[in-house]
Amino acid sequence: MILADYLINGQQLTGEHSSLIVGTTHFTSISPRINSVSVNGRSGVMLPAGPVAFDAPEITLKFITDGPDADTLMHRFYRLCRLASSLTRVERDTFSGLTRSMTASAVCTSCQPDGDEIPWDDHRAATAVFQLPDVFWRGVQWQEATLSASGGRLLPGGVSKPSGKGYWTRWTGLPNASPSMLFDILPDGWLSDAPITTLVLRFGAATGVTIADPVSGTNLMWGGQRDASRPYLFVDVANRKAWTAANADAWSGGTDETGGIDWTTEPLQVWPAIDSGDYRITIKQTGGTDKVTCRFLQSWE
């Protein structure tokens, strides 16, 4: 069983005299945005190439307070809703004891009292509806994976228990720069189950790269001249940007090279495989054979 709690702009909502009731299930709604075109002389419609896009889902939170500070707590909830820019979901698996946090951009579209208050009674309740513009929940800690020059598995869909040991380990943040955690089981979808929307890749001295996702059939390409003083190339998939830098840790930007970005059908989307849940990308490089370092946040529906 998974228990969930929510924070608005990082602020805790539940406490001694306040509680939350989540008005949605563990999964947010799927609402694909499909643009179709009818063609003269052809039955049916034509759909765009590539995977479908999704509209922003909604999540409903019912906030309940009681006690002498009921009005004060309710006013605080209203203020948080008015200023909301993010929601954080904290989950705890009661069977395994595992916990995880995920966050999403959010905007409050409505917040109103439930109208069941009793005069002179210290009980207040209100229901707020939030829209999630980024659609998917994101992890709060950056992950890194190093792939071969031709790509490989970015993130597994699940992890089997090591034989003879009875547990497996995983960094809570960056490898060799964060605490590790021991697990004896892993709930389904715990590592990620939605498209990775924050992928940034670091290449060596390549003059051309093509990054493709076999699940969605999408790709992203870059080509251009390289300056020997800036041996590292970074490609930001979500924002379709590229830059070069002298330092290997220039994940936030260097000398802009975005003019070399292109794609064929639809810009790259990295989806988990239906059967295994694994995330894999294929890479083709021109002028370089170095391994590729990938930096990303996990993603959930």
Protein backbone atom coordinates (compact mmCIF):
# COMPACT_ATOMS: atom_id res chain seq x y z
CA MET A 1 0.00 0.00 0.00
CA ILE A 2 1.30 3.46 -0.92
CA LEU A 3 0.50 6.45 1.27
CA ALA A 4 0.85 9.92 -0.25
CA ASP A 5 1.17 13.40 1.16
CA TYR A 6 1.32 16.71 -0.72
CA LEU A 7 3.20 19.98 -0.27
CA ILE A 8 2.42 23.30 -1.98
CA ASN A 9 5.54 25.30 -2.86
CA GLY A 10 7.41 22.98 -0.49
CA GLN A 11 5.13 23.85 2.45
CA GLN A 12 3.66 21.02 4.52
CA LEU A 13 -0.15 20.93 4.64
CA THR A 14 -0.99 18.18 7.11
CA GLY A 15 -0.43 18.43 10.84
CA GLU A 16 -2.06 17.99 14.24
CA HIS A 17 -5.26 19.84 13.28
CA SER A 18 -5.24 19.52 9.50
CA SER A 19 -5.48 16.69 6.97
CA LEU A 20 -5.77 16.06 3.24
CA ILE A 21 -8.04 13.88 1.18
CA VAL A 22 -6.77 13.29 -2.34
CA GLY A 23 -9.59 13.47 -4.83
CA THR A 24 -7.77 11.55 -7.57
CA THR A 25 -6.24 8.10 -7.80
CA HIS A 26 -2.52 7.30 -7.82
CA PHE A 27 -2.53 7.87 -11.60
CA THR A 28 -3.42 11.19 -13.19
CA SER A 29 -5.80 11.20 -16.15
CA ILE A 30 -4.59 10.55 -19.69
CA SER A 31 -5.91 13.17 -22.10
CA PRO A 32 -4.09 12.96 -25.45
CA ARG A 33 -4.04 15.99 -27.73
CA ILE A 34 -4.56 14.66 -31.24
CA ASN A 35 -4.52 16.91 -34.29
CA SER A 36 -5.87 15.19 -37.39
CA VAL A 37 -6.29 16.32 -40.99
CA SER A 38 -8.86 15.09 -43.51
CA VAL A 39 -7.70 14.61 -47.10
CA ASN A 40 -9.82 14.75 -50.28
CA GLY A 41 -10.31 11.32 -51.79
CA ARG A 42 -9.07 9.49 -48.70
CA SER A 43 -11.25 7.77 -46.12
CA GLY A 44 -10.62 8.62 -42.49
CA VAL A 45 -8.02 11.14 -41.36
CA MET A 46 -4.25 11.55 -41.31
CA LEU A 47 -2.49 11.71 -37.96
CA PRO A 48 0.82 13.48 -37.30
CA ALA A 49 3.98 11.40 -37.12
CA GLY A 50 5.42 10.51 -33.74
CA PRO A 51 3.85 9.90 -30.34
CA VAL A 52 0.82 11.87 -29.17
CA ALA A 53 1.15 14.83 -26.83
CA PHE A 54 -0.89 15.25 -23.66
CA ASP A 55 -2.90 18.05 -22.13
CA ALA A 56 -2.29 19.13 -18.55
CA PRO A 57 -3.96 16.77 -16.05
CA GLU A 58 -5.72 17.95 -12.89
CA ILE A 59 -5.45 16.84 -9.30
CA THR A 60 -7.95 17.59 -6.52
CA LEU A 61 -7.04 18.11 -2.87
CA LYS A 62 -9.59 18.46 -0.06
CA PHE A 63 -8.17 20.26 2.96
CA ILE A 64 -9.81 19.79 6.39
CA THR A 65 -9.00 21.64 9.61
CA ASP A 66 -10.39 21.56 13.13
CA GLY A 67 -9.66 23.06 16.51
CA PRO A 68 -9.25 26.63 17.73
CA ASP A 69 -6.85 27.50 14.86
CA ALA A 70 -9.15 26.19 12.10
CA ASP A 71 -9.69 29.60 10.51
CA THR A 72 -5.98 30.47 10.64
CA LEU A 73 -4.99 27.17 9.02
CA MET A 74 -7.65 27.56 6.34
CA HIS A 75 -6.50 31.10 5.50
CA ARG A 76 -2.95 29.74 5.15
CA PHE A 77 -4.21 27.05 2.75
CA TYR A 78 -5.96 29.70 0.65
CA ARG A 79 -2.81 31.81 0.49
CA LEU A 80 -0.75 28.80 -0.60
CA CYS A 81 -3.27 28.00 -3.32
CA ARG A 82 -3.22 31.55 -4.66
CA LEU A 83 0.59 31.54 -4.85
CA ALA A 84 1.01 27.90 -5.90
CA SER A 85 3.74 27.25 -8.48
CA SER A 86 4.56 23.64 -7.63
CA LEU A 87 3.18 20.54 -5.96
CA THR A 88 5.37 17.92 -4.28
CA ARG A 89 4.11 14.40 -3.80
CA VAL A 90 5.77 12.34 -1.05
CA GLU A 91 5.04 8.62 -1.21
CA ARG A 92 5.72 5.86 1.30
CA ASP A 93 5.32 2.17 0.51
CA THR A 94 4.04 0.60 3.74
CA PHE A 95 5.12 -2.89 2.63
CA SER A 96 8.75 -2.13 1.77
CA GLY A 97 9.30 1.03 3.78
CA LEU A 98 10.60 2.83 0.67
CA THR A 99 9.90 6.53 0.27
CA ARG A 100 10.24 8.83 -2.72
CA SER A 101 9.48 12.44 -3.59
CA MET A 102 8.33 13.86 -6.90
CA THR A 103 7.43 17.38 -7.93
CA ALA A 104 5.48 19.10 -10.72
CA SER A 105 4.72 22.64 -11.80
CA ALA A 106 1.21 23.50 -10.67
CA VAL A 107 -1.39 26.26 -10.80
CA CYS A 108 -4.54 26.40 -8.69
CA THR A 109 -7.57 26.68 -10.98
CA SER A 110 -10.18 26.75 -8.19
CA CYS A 111 -10.44 26.67 -4.41
CA GLN A 112 -13.75 26.90 -2.61
CA PRO A 113 -15.24 26.01 0.77
CA ASP A 114 -17.25 22.80 0.93
CA GLY A 115 -20.14 24.60 2.62
CA ASP A 116 -20.69 21.99 5.34
CA GLU A 117 -19.45 24.13 8.24
CA ILE A 118 -21.60 24.34 11.36
CA PRO A 119 -21.91 27.76 13.09
CA TRP A 120 -19.69 28.07 16.19
CA ASP A 121 -18.02 24.73 15.33
CA ASP A 122 -14.24 24.53 14.86
CA HIS A 123 -14.38 22.63 11.59
CA ARG A 124 -13.46 23.95 8.14
CA ALA A 125 -13.12 22.20 4.76
CA ALA A 126 -12.23 23.37 1.27
CA THR A 127 -11.53 21.71 -2.07
CA ALA A 128 -8.79 22.92 -4.41
CA VAL A 129 -8.14 21.84 -8.00
CA PHE A 130 -4.64 22.11 -9.45
CA GLN A 131 -3.56 21.85 -13.06
CA LEU A 132 -0.13 20.34 -13.81
CA PRO A 133 1.27 22.19 -16.88
CA ASP A 134 4.25 19.83 -17.26
CA VAL A 135 1.90 16.80 -17.28
CA PHE A 136 4.31 14.38 -15.55
CA TRP A 137 5.80 14.26 -12.05
CA ARG A 138 9.57 14.66 -11.84
CA GLY A 139 12.14 13.37 -9.37
CA VAL A 140 13.82 15.88 -7.09
CA GLN A 141 17.38 14.49 -7.41
CA TRP A 142 19.38 14.48 -10.64
CA GLN A 143 20.51 11.09 -11.94
CA GLU A 144 23.49 10.37 -14.17
CA ALA A 145 24.16 7.46 -16.51
CA THR A 146 27.19 6.85 -18.73
CA LEU A 147 26.46 5.08 -22.03
CA SER A 148 28.70 3.79 -24.78
CA ALA A 149 29.30 5.91 -27.86
CA SER A 150 26.37 4.11 -29.55
CA GLY A 151 23.93 4.51 -26.65
CA GLY A 152 22.30 1.89 -24.44
CA ARG A 153 19.99 1.59 -21.45
CA LEU A 154 19.43 4.93 -19.78
CA LEU A 155 17.32 3.64 -16.90
CA PRO A 156 15.96 0.15 -16.09
CA GLY A 157 12.26 -0.44 -15.62
CA GLY A 158 12.98 -2.68 -12.65
CA VAL A 159 15.87 -4.23 -10.75
CA SER A 160 16.17 -7.90 -9.85
CA LYS A 161 17.42 -8.91 -6.42
CA PRO A 162 21.15 -9.87 -6.62
CA SER A 163 21.62 -13.60 -6.06
CA GLY A 164 23.33 -14.49 -2.80
CA LYS A 165 23.03 -10.99 -1.36
CA GLY A 166 19.32 -10.45 -0.90
CA TYR A 167 19.44 -6.71 -1.55
CA TRP A 168 20.46 -4.13 -4.12
CA THR A 169 21.92 -0.64 -3.78
CA ARG A 170 21.23 2.63 -5.52
CA TRP A 171 22.54 6.17 -5.18
CA THR A 172 19.99 8.65 -3.86
CA GLY A 173 21.49 11.37 -6.07
CA LEU A 174 24.62 11.70 -8.19
CA PRO A 175 26.91 8.62 -8.29
CA ASN A 176 29.77 8.77 -5.78
CA ALA A 177 28.44 12.11 -4.53
CA SER A 178 25.37 11.10 -2.51
CA PRO A 179 24.31 8.50 0.08
CA SER A 180 23.41 5.02 -1.15
CA MET A 181 20.26 3.08 -0.21
CA LEU A 182 19.73 -0.65 0.31
CA PHE A 183 16.53 -2.37 -0.88
CA ASP A 184 15.35 -5.96 -0.80
CA ILE A 185 12.37 -5.36 -3.12
CA LEU A 186 11.40 -2.75 -5.67
CA PRO A 187 7.77 -1.75 -6.34
CA ASP A 188 6.69 -1.72 -9.98
CA GLY A 189 7.33 1.62 -11.67
CA TRP A 190 9.38 2.90 -8.73
CA LEU A 191 12.31 3.98 -10.91
CA SER A 192 10.20 5.77 -13.56
CA ASP A 193 7.16 5.07 -15.71
CA ALA A 194 6.60 8.21 -17.84
CA PRO A 195 8.59 9.97 -20.61
CA ILE A 196 11.90 11.43 -19.44
CA THR A 197 11.48 15.16 -20.11
CA THR A 198 14.70 16.56 -18.61
CA LEU A 199 17.45 14.72 -20.51
CA VAL A 200 20.76 16.48 -21.15
CA LEU A 201 23.63 14.62 -22.87
CA ARG A 202 27.37 15.37 -22.79
CA PHE A 203 29.54 14.35 -25.74
CA GLY A 204 33.24 14.56 -26.45
CA ALA A 205 34.82 15.87 -29.64
CA ALA A 206 32.00 14.86 -31.99
CA THR A 207 31.12 17.08 -34.95
CA GLY A 208 27.74 15.44 -35.46
CA VAL A 209 25.38 13.38 -33.29
CA THR A 210 22.01 11.71 -33.73
CA ILE A 211 20.06 10.65 -30.63
CA ALA A 212 17.05 8.40 -31.21
CA ASP A 213 14.42 6.66 -29.11
CA PRO A 214 13.33 3.27 -30.53
CA VAL A 215 10.04 3.30 -28.59
CA SER A 216 8.65 6.63 -29.82
CA GLY A 217 10.50 6.65 -33.14
CA THR A 218 11.69 10.23 -32.57
CA ASN A 219 15.17 11.73 -32.73
CA LEU A 220 17.31 14.84 -32.27
CA MET A 221 20.38 15.72 -34.31
CA TRP A 222 23.23 18.19 -33.99
CA GLY A 223 26.01 19.10 -36.38
CA GLY A 224 28.53 21.91 -36.50
CA GLN A 225 32.11 23.12 -36.21
CA ARG A 226 34.05 22.46 -33.01
CA ASP A 227 36.56 24.69 -31.23
CA ALA A 228 39.44 22.73 -29.66
CA SER A 229 39.30 24.99 -26.60
CA ARG A 230 35.78 23.72 -25.86
CA PRO A 231 36.03 19.91 -26.05
CA TYR A 232 32.60 19.15 -24.54
CA LEU A 233 29.27 19.27 -26.36
CA PHE A 234 26.01 19.39 -24.39
CA VAL A 235 22.57 18.72 -25.90
CA ASP A 236 19.41 19.67 -23.98
CA VAL A 237 16.67 17.45 -25.38
CA ALA A 238 13.58 19.10 -23.85
CA ASN A 239 14.55 22.66 -24.81
CA ARG A 240 16.22 21.66 -28.09
CA LYS A 241 19.40 23.54 -27.25
CA ALA A 242 23.10 22.78 -27.59
CA TRP A 243 26.28 24.38 -26.28
CA THR A 244 30.00 23.68 -26.03
CA ALA A 245 32.22 24.24 -23.02
CA ALA A 246 35.73 23.77 -21.70
CA ASN A 247 34.46 22.16 -18.49
CA ALA A 248 32.80 18.77 -18.18
CA ASP A 249 30.35 20.06 -15.55
CA ALA A 250 28.85 22.89 -17.65
CA TRP A 251 25.36 21.38 -17.49
CA SER A 252 23.69 24.77 -17.31
CA GLY A 253 25.19 26.21 -20.48
CA GLY A 254 28.31 27.50 -22.26
CA THR A 255 28.85 28.80 -25.80
CA ASP A 256 25.56 28.50 -27.65
CA GLU A 257 25.50 26.05 -30.58
CA THR A 258 21.72 25.66 -30.89
CA GLY A 259 21.83 26.52 -34.61
CA GLY A 260 23.01 22.98 -35.30
CA ILE A 261 19.91 21.32 -33.81
CA ASP A 262 17.48 19.49 -36.09
CA TRP A 263 15.17 16.43 -36.19
CA THR A 264 13.29 14.37 -38.78
CA THR A 265 9.64 13.65 -37.85
CA GLU A 266 9.12 14.79 -34.25
CA PRO A 267 11.66 16.09 -31.67
CA LEU A 268 13.11 13.41 -29.40
CA GLN A 269 10.85 11.94 -26.72
CA VAL A 270 12.31 9.22 -24.47
CA TRP A 271 9.61 6.72 -23.49
CA PRO A 272 9.81 3.49 -21.45
CA ALA A 273 9.44 0.22 -23.34
CA ILE A 274 6.00 -1.35 -22.99
CA ASP A 275 7.33 -4.82 -22.09
CA SER A 276 10.31 -4.16 -19.80
CA GLY A 277 9.82 -0.54 -18.77
CA ASP A 278 13.47 0.12 -19.73
CA TYR A 279 14.51 3.47 -21.22
CA ARG A 280 16.96 3.08 -24.10
CA ILE A 281 18.44 5.48 -26.63
CA THR A 282 20.58 4.89 -29.70
CA ILE A 283 23.36 7.29 -30.64
CA LYS A 284 25.34 7.88 -33.81
CA GLN A 285 28.43 10.07 -33.66
CA THR A 286 30.54 11.70 -36.35
CA GLY A 287 34.07 12.69 -35.49
CA GLY A 288 34.01 11.17 -32.00
CA THR A 289 33.87 7.84 -30.19
CA ASP A 290 33.76 8.95 -26.55
CA LYS A 291 31.26 7.61 -24.05
CA VAL A 292 28.17 9.74 -23.49
CA THR A 293 27.11 11.02 -20.07
CA CYS A 294 23.38 11.56 -19.56
CA ARG A 295 21.81 13.68 -16.83
CA PHE A 296 18.09 13.55 -16.11
CA LEU A 297 15.28 13.52 -13.56
CA GLN A 298 13.08 10.48 -13.17
CA SER A 299 9.50 10.84 -14.39
CA TRP A 300 6.13 9.42 -13.30
CA GLU A 301 2.51 9.56 -14.43
